[in-house]
Protein backbone atom coordinates (compact mmCIF):
# COMPACT_ATOMS: atom_id res chain seq x y z
CA MET A 1 11.04 -4.30 -8.42
CA ASP A 2 8.08 -6.33 -9.63
CA THR A 3 5.96 -4.59 -11.97
CA MET A 4 3.16 -4.96 -9.41
CA ALA A 5 4.57 -3.37 -6.39
CA THR A 6 3.22 -3.86 -2.71
CA TYR A 7 2.79 -1.18 -0.01
CA GLY A 8 3.34 -2.02 3.50
CA PHE A 9 1.91 0.77 6.30
CA ILE A 10 3.63 0.96 9.60
CA GLY A 11 1.30 3.25 11.39
CA ALA A 12 -2.37 3.24 10.26
CA GLY A 13 -3.34 6.67 12.23
CA ASN A 14 -4.93 9.13 10.11
CA MET A 15 -2.45 10.19 7.51
CA GLY A 16 -1.12 6.48 7.24
CA GLY A 17 -4.26 5.68 6.84
CA ALA A 18 -5.35 7.91 4.05
CA LEU A 19 -2.64 7.49 2.16
CA ALA A 20 -3.57 3.08 2.40
CA ARG A 21 -6.88 4.38 1.13
CA ALA A 22 -5.38 6.04 -1.93
CA VAL A 23 -3.56 3.02 -2.41
CA CYS A 24 -5.95 0.46 -2.49
CA ARG A 25 -8.01 3.09 -5.11
CA SER A 26 -5.20 1.88 -7.69
CA VAL A 27 -3.24 -1.11 -6.71
CA SER A 28 -4.89 -4.73 -5.64
CA PRO A 29 -5.88 -4.21 -1.85
CA ASP A 30 -3.95 -7.84 -1.64
CA GLU A 31 -0.83 -5.87 -2.48
CA VAL A 32 -1.05 -3.48 0.55
CA PHE A 33 -0.27 -4.51 4.40
CA LEU A 34 -1.00 -2.87 7.32
CA ALA A 35 0.76 -2.83 10.36
CA ASN A 36 -0.01 -0.81 13.53
CA ARG A 37 0.97 -0.48 17.28
CA THR A 38 -2.75 -1.01 18.31
CA PRO A 39 -3.74 -4.09 15.91
CA GLU A 40 -7.10 -3.33 15.75
CA LYS A 41 -7.01 -0.12 14.59
CA ALA A 42 -5.02 -1.93 11.16
CA LYS A 43 -7.51 -4.44 11.38
CA ALA A 44 -10.58 -2.45 11.32
CA LEU A 45 -9.09 0.03 8.45
CA ALA A 46 -8.15 -3.29 6.62
CA GLU A 47 -11.57 -4.67 6.43
CA GLU A 48 -12.85 -1.68 5.24
CA LEU A 49 -10.02 -1.39 2.45
CA GLY A 50 -10.07 -5.14 1.97
CA CYS A 51 -6.23 -5.35 2.38
CA ARG A 52 -3.80 -7.55 5.02
CA THR A 53 -2.72 -7.14 8.49
CA ALA A 54 0.79 -7.62 9.00
CA ASP A 55 3.20 -6.77 12.40
CA ASN A 56 6.03 -4.54 11.00
CA GLU A 57 8.53 -8.07 10.91
CA ALA A 58 6.45 -8.79 8.49
CA VAL A 59 6.09 -5.33 6.24
CA ALA A 60 10.17 -4.97 6.84
CA GLN A 61 10.58 -8.30 5.29
CA SER A 62 8.94 -8.15 2.01
CA ALA A 63 7.00 -4.71 1.41
CA ASP A 64 8.65 -2.91 -1.75
CA PHE A 65 7.38 0.10 -0.46
CA ILE A 66 7.65 0.58 3.42
CA PHE A 67 5.91 3.56 4.62
CA LEU A 68 6.94 4.76 8.22
CA GLY A 69 3.98 6.34 9.51
CA VAL A 70 5.40 7.22 13.07
CA LYS A 71 5.99 10.17 14.60
CA PRO A 72 9.61 11.63 14.37
CA GLN A 73 10.32 10.71 18.12
CA MET A 74 9.45 7.14 17.46
CA MET A 75 11.08 7.16 14.59
CA GLN A 76 14.40 6.13 16.13
CA GLU A 77 13.07 3.22 18.11
CA LEU A 78 10.93 1.60 14.84
CA LEU A 79 14.26 1.52 12.60
CA ALA A 80 16.32 -0.11 15.24
CA GLU A 81 13.76 -2.80 15.54
CA ILE A 82 13.40 -3.14 11.63
CA GLY A 83 16.95 -2.57 10.85
CA PRO A 84 18.31 -6.00 11.18
CA ILE A 85 15.63 -7.23 8.96
CA LEU A 86 16.38 -5.36 6.51
CA THR A 87 19.85 -5.96 6.12
CA GLU A 88 18.92 -8.95 5.82
CA ARG A 89 16.76 -8.75 2.69
CA GLU A 90 17.61 -9.53 -0.68
CA THR A 91 14.97 -7.68 -2.49
CA ARG A 92 14.70 -4.48 -3.31
CA PHE A 93 12.60 -1.88 -1.33
CA VAL A 94 11.99 1.76 -0.69
CA LEU A 95 11.45 3.55 2.95
CA VAL A 96 9.12 6.55 2.43
CA THR A 97 8.84 8.51 5.65
CA MET A 98 6.70 11.18 6.52
CA ALA A 99 8.09 12.66 9.61
CA ALA A 100 8.39 15.84 9.97
CA GLY A 101 11.87 17.31 10.65
CA LEU A 102 13.77 14.38 9.73
CA THR A 103 15.99 14.16 6.39
CA ILE A 104 16.72 11.48 3.97
CA ALA A 105 19.90 11.43 5.81
CA ASP A 106 18.67 11.09 9.08
CA ILE A 107 16.23 7.60 8.49
CA GLN A 108 19.38 6.66 6.53
CA LYS A 109 21.45 7.00 9.31
CA MET A 110 18.59 5.46 11.71
CA ALA A 111 18.16 2.30 9.54
CA GLY A 112 21.75 1.69 9.61
CA ASP A 113 22.69 1.96 5.60
CA ALA A 114 21.94 4.27 2.50
CA TYR A 115 18.43 2.81 1.77
CA PRO A 116 16.63 4.01 -1.01
CA VAL A 117 14.40 6.78 1.00
CA ILE A 118 11.65 8.77 -0.41
CA ARG A 119 10.62 11.80 1.70
CA ILE A 120 6.93 13.01 1.51
CA MET A 121 4.75 15.44 3.38
CA PRO A 122 1.22 14.77 2.47
CA ASN A 123 -2.04 16.42 4.06
CA THR A 124 -5.25 15.37 5.17
CA PRO A 125 -7.14 16.07 1.97
CA CYS A 126 -5.31 13.18 0.82
CA SER A 127 -8.36 11.11 2.22
CA ILE A 128 -10.57 12.02 -0.13
CA GLY A 129 -8.22 12.08 -3.23
CA GLU A 130 -7.58 16.20 -3.33
CA GLY A 131 -4.40 15.84 -1.11
CA MET A 132 -1.14 17.96 -1.73
CA THR A 133 1.59 15.94 -1.15
CA LEU A 134 5.54 17.00 -1.55
CA TYR A 135 8.16 14.70 -2.13
CA ALA A 136 12.08 14.04 -2.95
CA CYS A 137 13.84 11.06 -3.61
CA GLY A 138 17.29 10.26 -2.41
CA PRO A 139 20.10 9.40 -4.86
CA ASP A 140 19.25 5.57 -4.36
CA VAL A 141 15.79 5.86 -5.60
CA THR A 142 15.67 4.86 -9.69
CA ALA A 143 13.98 6.90 -11.99
CA GLU A 144 11.24 3.69 -12.63
CA GLU A 145 10.65 3.47 -8.53
CA GLU A 146 9.74 6.99 -8.87
CA LYS A 147 7.18 6.49 -11.13
CA THR A 148 5.83 3.41 -10.07
CA PHE A 149 5.12 5.49 -6.65
CA LEU A 150 3.78 8.07 -8.24
CA SER A 151 1.10 6.29 -10.40
CA ASP A 152 0.00 3.78 -7.55
CA MET A 153 0.06 6.87 -5.28
CA ALA A 154 -2.22 8.99 -7.75
CA GLU A 155 -5.53 8.74 -6.10
CA ALA A 156 -4.16 10.60 -3.25
CA GLY A 157 -3.90 13.69 -5.02
CA ARG A 158 -1.40 16.15 -6.51
CA PHE A 159 2.23 15.58 -6.15
CA VAL A 160 4.59 18.20 -6.34
CA ALA A 161 8.83 17.46 -6.44
CA LEU A 162 10.83 19.78 -4.20
CA PRO A 163 14.22 19.88 -3.80
CA GLU A 164 14.52 18.38 0.21
CA HIS A 165 16.03 21.62 1.69
CA LEU A 166 12.42 23.42 0.87
CA ILE A 167 10.22 20.58 2.15
CA ASP A 168 9.93 21.90 5.30
CA ALA A 169 8.92 25.62 4.13
CA GLY A 170 6.59 23.60 1.53
CA SER A 171 4.67 22.14 4.48
CA ALA A 172 4.46 24.76 6.46
CA VAL A 173 2.07 25.86 3.99
CA SER A 174 0.36 22.71 2.41
CA GLY A 175 1.06 20.29 5.33
CA CYS A 176 -0.21 22.72 8.54
CA GLY A 177 -2.86 24.58 5.66
CA PRO A 178 -5.87 22.65 6.36
CA ALA A 179 -5.82 23.59 9.84
CA TYR A 180 -5.53 26.97 8.94
CA VAL A 181 -8.17 26.95 6.66
CA ASP A 182 -10.68 25.43 8.75
CA LEU A 183 -10.11 27.88 11.34
CA PHE A 184 -11.28 30.23 8.37
CA LEU A 185 -14.21 28.15 6.89
CA GLU A 186 -15.39 27.97 11.01
CA ALA A 187 -15.11 31.81 11.32
CA LEU A 188 -16.62 32.66 8.03
CA ALA A 189 -19.91 30.11 9.05
CA ASP A 190 -20.03 31.93 12.57
CA GLY A 191 -20.00 35.51 10.93
CA GLY A 192 -23.26 33.87 9.09
CA VAL A 193 -24.83 32.65 11.99
CA ALA A 194 -24.07 36.07 13.88
CA CYS A 195 -26.26 37.61 10.97
CA GLY A 196 -28.76 35.17 10.86
CA LEU A 197 -27.91 32.16 9.12
CA PRO A 198 -28.67 28.21 10.43
CA ARG A 199 -25.62 27.07 11.09
CA ALA A 200 -25.82 24.21 8.45
CA ALA A 201 -26.79 26.75 5.65
CA ALA A 202 -23.25 29.15 6.66
CA MET A 203 -20.98 26.04 6.58
CA GLU A 204 -22.30 25.05 3.27
CA LEU A 205 -21.88 28.24 1.91
CA ALA A 206 -18.34 28.62 3.33
CA ALA A 207 -17.36 25.63 2.21
CA GLN A 208 -18.21 25.22 -1.01
CA MET A 209 -17.03 29.28 -1.14
CA VAL A 210 -13.53 28.08 -0.46
CA VAL A 211 -13.68 24.62 -2.99
CA GLY A 212 -14.85 27.38 -5.66
CA SER A 213 -12.49 29.88 -4.85
CA ALA A 214 -9.54 27.69 -4.96
CA ARG A 215 -10.36 26.19 -7.98
CA LEU A 216 -10.66 28.62 -9.78
CA GLN A 217 -7.65 30.27 -9.06
CA GLN A 218 -5.90 27.05 -10.43
CA GLU A 219 -7.94 27.00 -13.65
CA SER A 220 -7.69 30.67 -14.36
CA GLY A 221 -4.03 30.72 -13.39
CA LYS A 222 -4.72 34.63 -12.30
CA HIS A 223 -3.13 36.16 -9.58
CA PRO A 224 -5.59 36.32 -6.06
CA GLY A 225 -5.06 39.83 -6.05
CA ALA A 226 -6.67 40.13 -9.32
CA LEU A 227 -9.24 37.68 -8.39
CA LYS A 228 -9.92 39.26 -5.21
CA ASP A 229 -10.01 43.01 -7.02
CA ALA A 230 -13.06 41.32 -9.21
CA VAL A 231 -15.14 41.07 -6.58
CA CYS A 232 -14.49 44.21 -4.55
CA SER A 233 -17.08 46.98 -6.69
CA PRO A 234 -16.08 50.26 -6.14
CA GLY A 235 -18.01 51.67 -3.16
CA GLY A 236 -19.12 48.58 -2.29
CA THR A 237 -19.86 45.55 0.39
CA THR A 238 -16.74 43.42 -0.44
CA ILE A 239 -14.15 45.59 0.22
CA GLN A 240 -15.64 47.05 3.46
CA GLY A 241 -15.02 43.51 4.15
CA VAL A 242 -11.19 43.45 2.96
CA ARG A 243 -10.58 46.46 4.59
CA THR A 244 -11.93 45.19 7.93
CA LEU A 245 -9.36 42.23 7.57
CA GLU A 246 -6.60 44.61 6.62
CA GLU A 247 -7.20 46.44 10.09
CA HIS A 248 -6.70 43.07 11.94
CA GLY A 249 -3.53 41.80 9.99
CA PHE A 250 -5.25 39.50 8.56
CA ARG A 251 -2.30 38.72 5.73
CA ALA A 252 0.27 39.36 8.37
CA ALA A 253 -1.26 36.70 10.65
CA VAL A 254 -1.67 34.22 7.89
CA MET A 255 2.05 35.05 6.97
CA ASP A 256 3.24 34.69 10.83
CA ALA A 257 1.53 31.16 11.47
CA VAL A 258 3.47 29.31 8.46
CA ILE A 259 6.35 31.16 9.39
CA ALA A 260 5.83 29.83 13.04
CA ALA A 261 5.26 26.08 11.60
CA TYR A 262 8.37 26.09 9.76
CA GLU A 263 10.65 27.17 13.12
CA LYS A 264 8.90 24.71 14.92
CA THR A 265 9.97 22.31 12.05
CA ALA A 266 13.53 23.58 12.42
CA ALA A 267 13.54 23.09 16.12
CA LEU A 268 12.58 19.53 15.86
CA LYS A 269 15.78 18.62 14.12
CA LYS A 270 18.23 20.53 17.13
C-alpha cells in the first residue's frame, strides 16, 4: 500500500460523515472520496471538507481503504454491486465495515472473496475527535495497514482493539452509550429547571459535570465507586440523591439497557 493512503466512503451519513471529517484532519482532503445514495449530501460534505465526490464504482476501483457506511440490511446489495469491481482490482485495498451484527466473515462472503477487512464500531463523538471506536482486523490485514489506518484515523478519538467476538458487547456500551448519556443529561437539566434554574444554565452545568466526571475517572484511574464515595458526605445531600436513584433501580436500568442493545445486535445475525 502506498505511503499516502486514499480513503473512500460509500455512505456519507452521520457516522460516515463523522469519520470522513476525522480522516480529513489527518490526511490531505484530496485523498478522501465521498459517495452517497443522495449525491447532494456527499457534495455538501465534500465542499465543507475540501475533499472529492465519487460514485460507488469509483470508490471501489481506487480507494485503499473502502468504508462501507450502509445499514446492515443494505450491505448485501452494496457488495453485490461493487463485488465484480473488487474482483478486477490489481491494487491492494482494505474493506472497512461498521455495520452492526455483520462479522468479518459475513462481509467477505457477501463480497465474494477473502478480502482484507477491518471491522469497526465507532460512536457519534467521533465527529468532534472524542470518539471511542472498537476495531478488529481480519487475518489478511497487514500490520502496516493497521498502523496506517490507526494513524490516519487518530483524529476521530480513541481506538481499542477487541477480539471480534467481543465487538458486539463493546458496542452496546460505547456505541449505544451516547444515547444513554444524552437521556441522563436531559434528565439532569430537567431536574435543574424544576429547581428553578434557567434551561441553558441547567444544560451547561449538567454537560460540563459529565465531561469532567468522565475525565476525572480516566486520569485518576480510580474506581467509579470510590469517586462516588468522595462526593457523598455523611448525612449530606448527595447521598440522598444516590439513595433515590437506587430506589428507582438506576444501575439495574442502565445494565438492562446495555444487555437489551447487545441482544438486539445478536438478533440481527439470525
